[in-house]
């Protein structure tokens, strides 16, 4: 199995420092945060993109995914969203996603992940869903041209939280360049069994996020093995589906010592499959 670590835990460090630590911890892959300070598209020159490529090569890392979810360079993790009431603010999200598609193409990545609509904040679900679909329609033809798959990531308290809601979206609007970023902890938070959900959504999943969650199902990313998720069971299920891509550890709250966190998380994951070859 191929494991990566997300740079969103390294928001107080440079991309170069993040890549060096992630490689040293034994990961084969890295998820790049398309936000400050690592890869905010508007700030990247041709030289910066070349430096990212050289850093990846130097540290023998592949890109697992581009994380185009948070936009702290503009506001925060969830805003601007796909369903902002202000059309100009909503367009900022759409334009940003298009730029992330271009960046993925230039870096040789295959996927970008994005938020599942955004916080409803009193908006009727039908209105929000149509607004989300309208936004996706504006970027998916571009994604197809660049051979990039846009991955919707269900999350608690946003428009799409559950596996059924994701399937309802795909039932209403499907596209060959639209698929799922399966965040194990998020499905656990909304009361689903992640092991069962792996099989339920296997035909849609193109990338996994992995973290543990407290057994209270509070949406808080914690170290694997310290919460209520049967992570060994999840990894076994993923293997049984034949998935051959990356599983990215996403532990963004651990900002103080991400170097230590990434190494401890890798050791924890390795220990959960003692008889398997872990990448």
C-alpha atoms as a PDB file:
ATOM      1  CA  UNK A   1       0.000   0.000   0.000  1.00  0.00           C
ATOM      2  CA  UNK A   2       1.219   3.500  -0.806  1.00  0.00           C
ATOM      3  CA  UNK A   3       1.121   6.138   1.912  1.00  0.00           C
ATOM      4  CA  UNK A   4       1.530   9.905   1.677  1.00  0.00           C
ATOM      5  CA  UNK A   5       1.383  12.763   4.166  1.00  0.00           C
ATOM      6  CA  UNK A   6      -0.343  16.098   3.613  1.00  0.00           C
ATOM      7  CA  UNK A   7       1.603  19.330   3.835  1.00  0.00           C
ATOM      8  CA  UNK A   8      -1.347  21.014   5.534  1.00  0.00           C
ATOM      9  CA  UNK A   9       0.229  19.941   8.854  1.00  0.00           C
ATOM     10  CA  UNK A  10       3.321  21.951   7.843  1.00  0.00           C
ATOM     11  CA  UNK A  11       1.655  25.340   7.510  1.00  0.00           C
ATOM     12  CA  UNK A  12       4.372  26.904   9.690  1.00  0.00           C
ATOM     13  CA  UNK A  13       7.134  25.483   7.488  1.00  0.00           C
ATOM     14  CA  UNK A  14       8.296  25.796   3.907  1.00  0.00           C
ATOM     15  CA  UNK A  15       7.424  23.247   1.262  1.00  0.00           C
ATOM     16  CA  UNK A  16      11.057  22.177   1.143  1.00  0.00           C
ATOM     17  CA  UNK A  17      11.104  21.482   4.888  1.00  0.00           C
ATOM     18  CA  UNK A  18       7.822  19.592   4.654  1.00  0.00           C
ATOM     19  CA  UNK A  19       9.019  17.409   1.795  1.00  0.00           C
ATOM     20  CA  UNK A  20      12.283  16.605   3.553  1.00  0.00           C
ATOM     21  CA  UNK A  21      10.477  15.568   6.761  1.00  0.00           C
ATOM     22  CA  UNK A  22       7.829  13.537   4.942  1.00  0.00           C
ATOM     23  CA  UNK A  23      10.458  11.663   2.970  1.00  0.00           C
ATOM     24  CA  UNK A  24      12.566  11.049   6.084  1.00  0.00           C
ATOM     25  CA  UNK A  25       9.508   9.576   7.812  1.00  0.00           C
ATOM     26  CA  UNK A  26       9.314   6.895   5.128  1.00  0.00           C
ATOM     27  CA  UNK A  27       6.416   8.070   2.963  1.00  0.00           C
ATOM     28  CA  UNK A  28       6.419   7.525  -0.792  1.00  0.00           C
ATOM     29  CA  UNK A  29       4.008  10.368  -1.488  1.00  0.00           C
ATOM     30  CA  UNK A  30       3.112  13.907  -0.539  1.00  0.00           C
ATOM     31  CA  UNK A  31      -0.175  15.782  -0.789  1.00  0.00           C
ATOM     32  CA  UNK A  32       0.489  19.415  -1.631  1.00  0.00           C
ATOM     33  CA  UNK A  33      -1.693  22.093  -0.060  1.00  0.00           C
ATOM     34  CA  UNK A  34      -2.707  24.628  -2.725  1.00  0.00           C
ATOM     35  CA  UNK A  35      -2.698  27.454  -0.220  1.00  0.00           C
ATOM     36  CA  UNK A  36      -0.172  29.658   1.518  1.00  0.00           C
ATOM     37  CA  UNK A  37       2.642  29.031   2.247  1.00  0.00           C
ATOM     38  CA  UNK A  38       3.140  26.008  -0.029  1.00  0.00           C
ATOM     39  CA  UNK A  39       1.419  26.325  -3.387  1.00  0.00           C
ATOM     40  CA  UNK A  40      -1.064  29.186  -3.599  1.00  0.00           C
ATOM     41  CA  UNK A  41      -1.527  29.312  -7.391  1.00  0.00           C
ATOM     42  CA  UNK A  42      -1.479  33.107  -7.700  1.00  0.00           C
ATOM     43  CA  UNK A  43       1.912  33.282  -5.971  1.00  0.00           C
ATOM     44  CA  UNK A  44       3.706  30.621  -8.012  1.00  0.00           C
ATOM     45  CA  UNK A  45       6.158  31.654 -10.686  1.00  0.00           C
ATOM     46  CA  UNK A  46       7.594  29.289 -13.278  1.00  0.00           C
ATOM     47  CA  UNK A  47      10.667  29.103 -11.077  1.00  0.00           C
ATOM     48  CA  UNK A  48       8.590  28.167  -8.044  1.00  0.00           C
ATOM     49  CA  UNK A  49       6.940  25.326  -9.937  1.00  0.00           C
ATOM     50  CA  UNK A  50      10.321  24.100 -11.119  1.00  0.00           C
ATOM     51  CA  UNK A  51      11.553  24.209  -7.518  1.00  0.00           C
ATOM     52  CA  UNK A  52       8.595  22.077  -6.378  1.00  0.00           C
ATOM     53  CA  UNK A  53       9.465  19.502  -9.036  1.00  0.00           C
ATOM     54  CA  UNK A  54      13.130  19.489  -8.031  1.00  0.00           C
ATOM     55  CA  UNK A  55      12.200  19.154  -4.357  1.00  0.00           C
ATOM     56  CA  UNK A  56       9.984  16.176  -5.118  1.00  0.00           C
ATOM     57  CA  UNK A  57      12.737  14.525  -7.151  1.00  0.00           C
ATOM     58  CA  UNK A  58      15.378  15.199  -4.495  1.00  0.00           C
ATOM     59  CA  UNK A  59      13.213  13.644  -1.798  1.00  0.00           C
ATOM     60  CA  UNK A  60      11.956  10.776  -3.990  1.00  0.00           C
ATOM     61  CA  UNK A  61       8.314  11.721  -3.465  1.00  0.00           C
ATOM     62  CA  UNK A  62       5.314  11.348  -5.755  1.00  0.00           C
ATOM     63  CA  UNK A  63       2.307  13.653  -5.568  1.00  0.00           C
ATOM     64  CA  UNK A  64      -0.638  11.801  -4.070  1.00  0.00           C
ATOM     65  CA  UNK A  65      -3.102  14.653  -4.614  1.00  0.00           C
ATOM     66  CA  UNK A  66      -3.352  18.429  -4.705  1.00  0.00           C
ATOM     67  CA  UNK A  67      -5.437  19.657  -1.795  1.00  0.00           C
ATOM     68  CA  UNK A  68      -7.570  22.452  -3.244  1.00  0.00           C
ATOM     69  CA  UNK A  69      -9.983  22.542  -0.302  1.00  0.00           C
ATOM     70  CA  UNK A  70      -8.836  25.297   2.054  1.00  0.00           C
ATOM     71  CA  UNK A  71      -8.424  28.893   0.915  1.00  0.00           C
ATOM     72  CA  UNK A  72      -6.819  30.589   3.902  1.00  0.00           C
ATOM     73  CA  UNK A  73      -5.023  32.956   1.527  1.00  0.00           C
ATOM     74  CA  UNK A  74      -8.466  34.501   0.936  1.00  0.00           C
ATOM     75  CA  UNK A  75     -10.441  33.697   4.095  1.00  0.00           C
ATOM     76  CA  UNK A  76     -10.437  30.260   5.793  1.00  0.00           C
ATOM     77  CA  UNK A  77     -10.859  26.477   5.407  1.00  0.00           C
ATOM     78  CA  UNK A  78     -14.425  26.725   4.037  1.00  0.00           C
ATOM     79  CA  UNK A  79     -14.769  30.178   2.464  1.00  0.00           C
ATOM     80  CA  UNK A  80     -15.113  31.170  -0.260  1.00  0.00           C
ATOM     81  CA  UNK A  81     -17.227  28.100  -0.973  1.00  0.00           C
ATOM     82  CA  UNK A  82     -19.041  26.814  -4.053  1.00  0.00           C
ATOM     83  CA  UNK A  83     -22.343  28.015  -2.592  1.00  0.00           C
ATOM     84  CA  UNK A  84     -21.650  31.578  -1.493  1.00  0.00           C
ATOM     85  CA  UNK A  85     -24.660  33.868  -1.750  1.00  0.00           C
ATOM     86  CA  UNK A  86     -22.406  36.587  -3.176  1.00  0.00           C
ATOM     87  CA  UNK A  87     -21.755  35.539  -6.812  1.00  0.00           C
ATOM     88  CA  UNK A  88     -18.446  37.423  -6.983  1.00  0.00           C
ATOM     89  CA  UNK A  89     -17.151  35.665  -3.865  1.00  0.00           C
ATOM     90  CA  UNK A  90     -18.371  32.328  -5.225  1.00  0.00           C
ATOM     91  CA  UNK A  91     -16.506  33.000  -8.466  1.00  0.00           C
ATOM     92  CA  UNK A  92     -13.280  33.274  -6.479  1.00  0.00           C
ATOM     93  CA  UNK A  93     -13.663  29.592  -5.553  1.00  0.00           C
ATOM     94  CA  UNK A  94     -14.417  28.616  -9.149  1.00  0.00           C
ATOM     95  CA  UNK A  95     -11.440  30.550 -10.556  1.00  0.00           C
ATOM     96  CA  UNK A  96      -9.132  29.135  -7.864  1.00  0.00           C
ATOM     97  CA  UNK A  97     -10.162  25.575  -8.696  1.00  0.00           C
ATOM     98  CA  UNK A  98      -9.445  26.165 -12.373  1.00  0.00           C
ATOM     99  CA  UNK A  99      -5.965  27.415 -11.433  1.00  0.00           C
ATOM    100  CA  UNK A 100      -5.420  24.329  -9.266  1.00  0.00           C
ATOM    101  CA  UNK A 101      -6.305  22.146 -12.259  1.00  0.00           C
ATOM    102  CA  UNK A 102      -3.648  23.973 -14.274  1.00  0.00           C
ATOM    103  CA  UNK A 103      -1.138  23.525 -11.457  1.00  0.00           C
ATOM    104  CA  UNK A 104      -1.882  19.802 -11.214  1.00  0.00           C
ATOM    105  CA  UNK A 105      -1.300  19.474 -14.938  1.00  0.00           C
ATOM    106  CA  UNK A 106       2.040  21.279 -14.737  1.00  0.00           C
ATOM    107  CA  UNK A 107       3.195  19.201 -11.773  1.00  0.00           C
ATOM    108  CA  UNK A 108       2.078  15.886 -13.235  1.00  0.00           C
ATOM    109  CA  UNK A 109      -0.542  15.236 -10.575  1.00  0.00           C
ATOM    110  CA  UNK A 110      -3.718  13.393 -11.508  1.00  0.00           C
ATOM    111  CA  UNK A 111      -6.228  14.665  -8.942  1.00  0.00           C
ATOM    112  CA  UNK A 112      -7.249  17.689  -6.932  1.00  0.00           C
ATOM    113  CA  UNK A 113      -9.640  17.522  -3.982  1.00  0.00           C
ATOM    114  CA  UNK A 114     -12.245  20.157  -3.209  1.00  0.00           C
ATOM    115  CA  UNK A 115     -14.918  20.897  -0.645  1.00  0.00           C
ATOM    116  CA  UNK A 116     -18.408  19.389  -1.061  1.00  0.00           C
ATOM    117  CA  UNK A 117     -20.275  22.602  -1.678  1.00  0.00           C
ATOM    118  CA  UNK A 118     -19.646  24.405   1.581  1.00  0.00           C
ATOM    119  CA  UNK A 119     -21.526  25.388   4.742  1.00  0.00           C
ATOM    120  CA  UNK A 120     -25.254  25.806   4.055  1.00  0.00           C
ATOM    121  CA  UNK A 121     -25.667  28.717   6.486  1.00  0.00           C
ATOM    122  CA  UNK A 122     -29.453  28.703   6.067  1.00  0.00           C
ATOM    123  CA  UNK A 123     -29.502  28.139   2.310  1.00  0.00           C
ATOM    124  CA  UNK A 124     -32.096  25.566   1.122  1.00  0.00           C
ATOM    125  CA  UNK A 125     -30.416  22.289   0.130  1.00  0.00           C
ATOM    126  CA  UNK A 126     -31.924  22.246  -3.354  1.00  0.00           C
ATOM    127  CA  UNK A 127     -30.676  25.758  -4.047  1.00  0.00           C
ATOM    128  CA  UNK A 128     -27.230  24.939  -2.700  1.00  0.00           C
ATOM    129  CA  UNK A 129     -26.971  21.709  -4.697  1.00  0.00           C
ATOM    130  CA  UNK A 130     -27.869  23.414  -7.954  1.00  0.00           C
ATOM    131  CA  UNK A 131     -25.367  26.174  -7.207  1.00  0.00           C
ATOM    132  CA  UNK A 132     -22.666  23.558  -6.521  1.00  0.00           C
ATOM    133  CA  UNK A 133     -23.415  21.720  -9.748  1.00  0.00           C
ATOM    134  CA  UNK A 134     -23.401  24.979 -11.701  1.00  0.00           C
ATOM    135  CA  UNK A 135     -19.947  25.731 -10.320  1.00  0.00           C
ATOM    136  CA  UNK A 136     -18.612  22.272 -11.136  1.00  0.00           C
ATOM    137  CA  UNK A 137     -19.886  22.595 -14.682  1.00  0.00           C
ATOM    138  CA  UNK A 138     -17.709  25.683 -15.102  1.00  0.00           C
ATOM    139  CA  UNK A 139     -14.476  23.808 -14.369  1.00  0.00           C
ATOM    140  CA  UNK A 140     -14.964  20.188 -15.427  1.00  0.00           C
ATOM    141  CA  UNK A 141     -14.513  20.719 -19.167  1.00  0.00           C
ATOM    142  CA  UNK A 142     -11.185  22.349 -18.311  1.00  0.00           C
ATOM    143  CA  UNK A 143     -10.343  19.385 -16.066  1.00  0.00           C
ATOM    144  CA  UNK A 144     -11.055  17.054 -18.949  1.00  0.00           C
ATOM    145  CA  UNK A 145      -8.793  19.027 -21.279  1.00  0.00           C
ATOM    146  CA  UNK A 146      -5.962  18.794 -18.735  1.00  0.00           C
ATOM    147  CA  UNK A 147      -6.679  15.138 -17.815  1.00  0.00           C
ATOM    148  CA  UNK A 148      -7.250  15.991 -14.137  1.00  0.00           C
ATOM    149  CA  UNK A 149      -9.931  14.437 -11.930  1.00  0.00           C
ATOM    150  CA  UNK A 150     -11.698  16.712  -9.448  1.00  0.00           C
ATOM    151  CA  UNK A 151     -12.462  14.895  -6.198  1.00  0.00           C
ATOM    152  CA  UNK A 152     -15.370  15.939  -3.998  1.00  0.00           C
ATOM    153  CA  UNK A 153     -14.592  15.375  -0.309  1.00  0.00           C
ATOM    154  CA  UNK A 154     -17.687  14.931   1.911  1.00  0.00           C
ATOM    155  CA  UNK A 155     -17.273  16.626   5.283  1.00  0.00           C
ATOM    156  CA  UNK A 156     -19.434  17.070   8.406  1.00  0.00           C
ATOM    157  CA  UNK A 157     -21.560  20.239   8.468  1.00  0.00           C
ATOM    158  CA  UNK A 158     -21.109  20.966   4.764  1.00  0.00           C
ATOM    159  CA  UNK A 159     -23.536  20.452   1.877  1.00  0.00           C
ATOM    160  CA  UNK A 160     -22.486  16.837   1.281  1.00  0.00           C
ATOM    161  CA  UNK A 161     -21.690  14.918   4.474  1.00  0.00           C
ATOM    162  CA  UNK A 162     -22.663  11.296   3.902  1.00  0.00           C
ATOM    163  CA  UNK A 163     -22.090   8.553   1.365  1.00  0.00           C
ATOM    164  CA  UNK A 164     -25.759   8.667   0.333  1.00  0.00           C
ATOM    165  CA  UNK A 165     -25.553  12.409  -0.272  1.00  0.00           C
ATOM    166  CA  UNK A 166     -22.471  11.913  -2.421  1.00  0.00           C
ATOM    167  CA  UNK A 167     -24.236   9.206  -4.433  1.00  0.00           C
ATOM    168  CA  UNK A 168     -27.230  11.523  -4.812  1.00  0.00           C
ATOM    169  CA  UNK A 169     -24.914  14.181  -6.282  1.00  0.00           C
ATOM    170  CA  UNK A 170     -23.449  11.697  -8.753  1.00  0.00           C
ATOM    171  CA  UNK A 171     -26.945  10.495  -9.587  1.00  0.00           C
ATOM    172  CA  UNK A 172     -27.995  14.049 -10.377  1.00  0.00           C
ATOM    173  CA  UNK A 173     -24.775  15.123 -12.079  1.00  0.00           C
ATOM    174  CA  UNK A 174     -21.964  12.859 -13.259  1.00  0.00           C
ATOM    175  CA  UNK A 175     -18.863  13.578 -15.296  1.00  0.00           C
ATOM    176  CA  UNK A 176     -15.841  11.418 -16.229  1.00  0.00           C
ATOM    177  CA  UNK A 177     -13.524  13.873 -14.448  1.00  0.00           C
ATOM    178  CA  UNK A 178     -15.538  14.013 -11.236  1.00  0.00           C
ATOM    179  CA  UNK A 179     -14.967  11.465  -8.459  1.00  0.00           C
ATOM    180  CA  UNK A 180     -14.561  11.037  -4.695  1.00  0.00           C
ATOM    181  CA  UNK A 181     -11.900  11.893  -2.156  1.00  0.00           C
ATOM    182  CA  UNK A 182     -12.779   9.400   0.598  1.00  0.00           C
ATOM    183  CA  UNK A 183     -11.919  10.885   3.994  1.00  0.00           C
ATOM    184  CA  UNK A 184     -12.151   7.996   6.454  1.00  0.00           C
ATOM    185  CA  UNK A 185     -12.617  10.189   9.520  1.00  0.00           C
ATOM    186  CA  UNK A 186     -15.320  12.326   7.959  1.00  0.00           C
ATOM    187  CA  UNK A 187     -17.570   9.348   7.267  1.00  0.00           C
ATOM    188  CA  UNK A 188     -16.982   8.104  10.819  1.00  0.00           C
ATOM    189  CA  UNK A 189     -17.979  11.536  12.183  1.00  0.00           C
ATOM    190  CA  UNK A 190     -21.401  11.372  10.504  1.00  0.00           C
ATOM    191  CA  UNK A 191     -22.182   7.940  11.927  1.00  0.00           C
ATOM    192  CA  UNK A 192     -21.098   5.678   9.083  1.00  0.00           C
ATOM    193  CA  UNK A 193     -18.976   2.540   9.345  1.00  0.00           C
ATOM    194  CA  UNK A 194     -15.856   3.391   7.298  1.00  0.00           C
ATOM    195  CA  UNK A 195     -15.159  -0.269   6.508  1.00  0.00           C
ATOM    196  CA  UNK A 196     -18.610  -0.764   4.980  1.00  0.00           C
ATOM    197  CA  UNK A 197     -18.406   2.607   3.250  1.00  0.00           C
ATOM    198  CA  UNK A 198     -15.079   1.710   1.578  1.00  0.00           C
ATOM    199  CA  UNK A 199     -16.871  -1.094  -0.272  1.00  0.00           C
ATOM    200  CA  UNK A 200     -19.975   1.013  -0.896  1.00  0.00           C
ATOM    201  CA  UNK A 201     -18.002   3.788  -2.610  1.00  0.00           C
ATOM    202  CA  UNK A 202     -15.124   1.802  -4.120  1.00  0.00           C
ATOM    203  CA  UNK A 203     -16.178   2.512  -7.697  1.00  0.00           C
ATOM    204  CA  UNK A 204     -16.048   6.267  -7.060  1.00  0.00           C
ATOM    205  CA  UNK A 205     -12.940   6.630  -4.878  1.00  0.00           C
ATOM    206  CA  UNK A 206      -9.760   7.964  -6.467  1.00  0.00           C
ATOM    207  CA  UNK A 207      -7.886   8.991  -3.299  1.00  0.00           C
ATOM    208  CA  UNK A 208      -8.123   8.464   0.457  1.00  0.00           C
ATOM    209  CA  UNK A 209      -7.532  10.729   3.428  1.00  0.00           C
ATOM    210  CA  UNK A 210      -6.806   8.875   6.654  1.00  0.00           C
ATOM    211  CA  UNK A 211      -6.774   9.988  10.266  1.00  0.00           C
ATOM    212  CA  UNK A 212      -8.330   8.813  13.512  1.00  0.00           C
ATOM    213  CA  UNK A 213     -11.292  10.503  15.201  1.00  0.00           C
ATOM    214  CA  UNK A 214     -12.265  10.448  18.906  1.00  0.00           C
ATOM    215  CA  UNK A 215     -14.820   7.750  19.700  1.00  0.00           C
ATOM    216  CA  UNK A 216     -17.293  10.559  20.451  1.00  0.00           C
ATOM    217  CA  UNK A 217     -17.230  11.120  16.636  1.00  0.00           C
ATOM    218  CA  UNK A 218     -16.267  14.753  17.183  1.00  0.00           C
ATOM    219  CA  UNK A 219     -14.712  16.133  14.009  1.00  0.00           C
ATOM    220  CA  UNK A 220     -11.147  16.321  15.227  1.00  0.00           C
ATOM    221  CA  UNK A 221      -8.246  14.715  13.349  1.00  0.00           C
ATOM    222  CA  UNK A 222      -6.007  12.742  15.724  1.00  0.00           C
ATOM    223  CA  UNK A 223      -3.152  10.263  15.520  1.00  0.00           C
ATOM    224  CA  UNK A 224      -4.000   6.821  14.078  1.00  0.00           C
ATOM    225  CA  UNK A 225      -4.731   4.353  16.858  1.00  0.00           C
ATOM    226  CA  UNK A 226      -5.812   6.990  19.382  1.00  0.00           C
ATOM    227  CA  UNK A 227      -9.489   7.190  18.437  1.00  0.00           C
ATOM    228  CA  UNK A 228     -12.494   5.045  17.646  1.00  0.00           C
ATOM    229  CA  UNK A 229     -11.871   4.038  14.018  1.00  0.00           C
ATOM    230  CA  UNK A 230     -10.960   0.460  13.147  1.00  0.00           C
ATOM    231  CA  UNK A 231      -8.049   1.597  11.013  1.00  0.00           C
ATOM    232  CA  UNK A 232      -6.672  -1.907  10.475  1.00  0.00           C
ATOM    233  CA  UNK A 233     -10.088  -2.932   9.196  1.00  0.00           C
ATOM    234  CA  UNK A 234     -10.252   0.109   6.923  1.00  0.00           C
ATOM    235  CA  UNK A 235      -6.829  -0.619   5.419  1.00  0.00           C
ATOM    236  CA  UNK A 236      -7.767  -4.256   4.898  1.00  0.00           C
ATOM    237  CA  UNK A 237     -10.987  -3.189   3.162  1.00  0.00           C
ATOM    238  CA  UNK A 238      -9.125  -0.764   0.910  1.00  0.00           C
ATOM    239  CA  UNK A 239      -6.692  -3.515  -0.068  1.00  0.00           C
ATOM    240  CA  UNK A 240      -9.573  -5.891  -0.826  1.00  0.00           C
ATOM    241  CA  UNK A 241     -11.090  -3.397  -3.261  1.00  0.00           C
ATOM    242  CA  UNK A 242      -7.898  -3.509  -5.339  1.00  0.00           C
ATOM    243  CA  UNK A 243      -7.215   0.207  -4.854  1.00  0.00           C
ATOM    244  CA  UNK A 244      -3.661   0.937  -5.995  1.00  0.00           C
ATOM    245  CA  UNK A 245      -3.365   4.664  -5.337  1.00  0.00           C
ATOM    246  CA  UNK A 246      -2.187   6.678  -2.351  1.00  0.00           C
ATOM    247  CA  UNK A 247      -3.646   6.867   1.133  1.00  0.00           C
ATOM    248  CA  UNK A 248      -2.744  10.280   2.526  1.00  0.00           C
ATOM    249  CA  UNK A 249      -2.424  10.857   6.265  1.00  0.00           C
ATOM    250  CA  UNK A 250      -4.123  14.184   7.007  1.00  0.00           C
ATOM    251  CA  UNK A 251      -3.210  15.496  10.447  1.00  0.00           C
ATOM    252  CA  UNK A 252      -3.455  19.262   9.935  1.00  0.00           C
ATOM    253  CA  UNK A 253      -4.061  20.150  13.634  1.00  0.00           C
ATOM    254  CA  UNK A 254      -0.505  19.059  14.540  1.00  0.00           C
ATOM    255  CA  UNK A 255       1.156  22.328  13.613  1.00  0.00           C
ATOM    256  CA  UNK A 256       3.762  22.510  16.376  1.00  0.00           C
ATOM    257  CA  UNK A 257       5.800  19.400  15.541  1.00  0.00           C
ATOM    258  CA  UNK A 258       4.647  18.032  12.177  1.00  0.00           C
ATOM    259  CA  UNK A 259       8.016  16.375  11.637  1.00  0.00           C
ATOM    260  CA  UNK A 260       7.484  14.252  14.747  1.00  0.00           C
ATOM    261  CA  UNK A 261       3.805  13.726  13.944  1.00  0.00           C
ATOM    262  CA  UNK A 262       4.445  12.471  10.421  1.00  0.00           C
ATOM    263  CA  UNK A 263       7.027   9.960  11.653  1.00  0.00           C
ATOM    264  CA  UNK A 264       4.834   8.734  14.513  1.00  0.00           C
ATOM    265  CA  UNK A 265       1.837   8.387  12.212  1.00  0.00           C
ATOM    266  CA  UNK A 266       3.851   6.304   9.742  1.00  0.00           C
ATOM    267  CA  UNK A 267       5.089   4.043  12.523  1.00  0.00           C
ATOM    268  CA  UNK A 268       1.547   3.663  13.836  1.00  0.00           C
ATOM    269  CA  UNK A 269       0.193   2.719  10.417  1.00  0.00           C
ATOM    270  CA  UNK A 270       3.035   0.279   9.806  1.00  0.00           C
ATOM    271  CA  UNK A 271       2.238  -1.391  13.106  1.00  0.00           C
ATOM    272  CA  UNK A 272      -1.377  -1.908  12.156  1.00  0.00           C
ATOM    273  CA  UNK A 273      -0.399  -4.186   9.276  1.00  0.00           C
ATOM    274  CA  UNK A 274       2.572  -6.088  10.713  1.00  0.00           C
ATOM    275  CA  UNK A 275       2.529  -8.814   8.076  1.00  0.00           C
ATOM    276  CA  UNK A 276       2.124  -6.554   5.051  1.00  0.00           C
ATOM    277  CA  UNK A 277       4.581  -4.616   2.945  1.00  0.00           C
ATOM    278  CA  UNK A 278       3.786  -0.969   3.657  1.00  0.00           C
ATOM    279  CA  UNK A 279       4.954   1.776   1.310  1.00  0.00           C
END
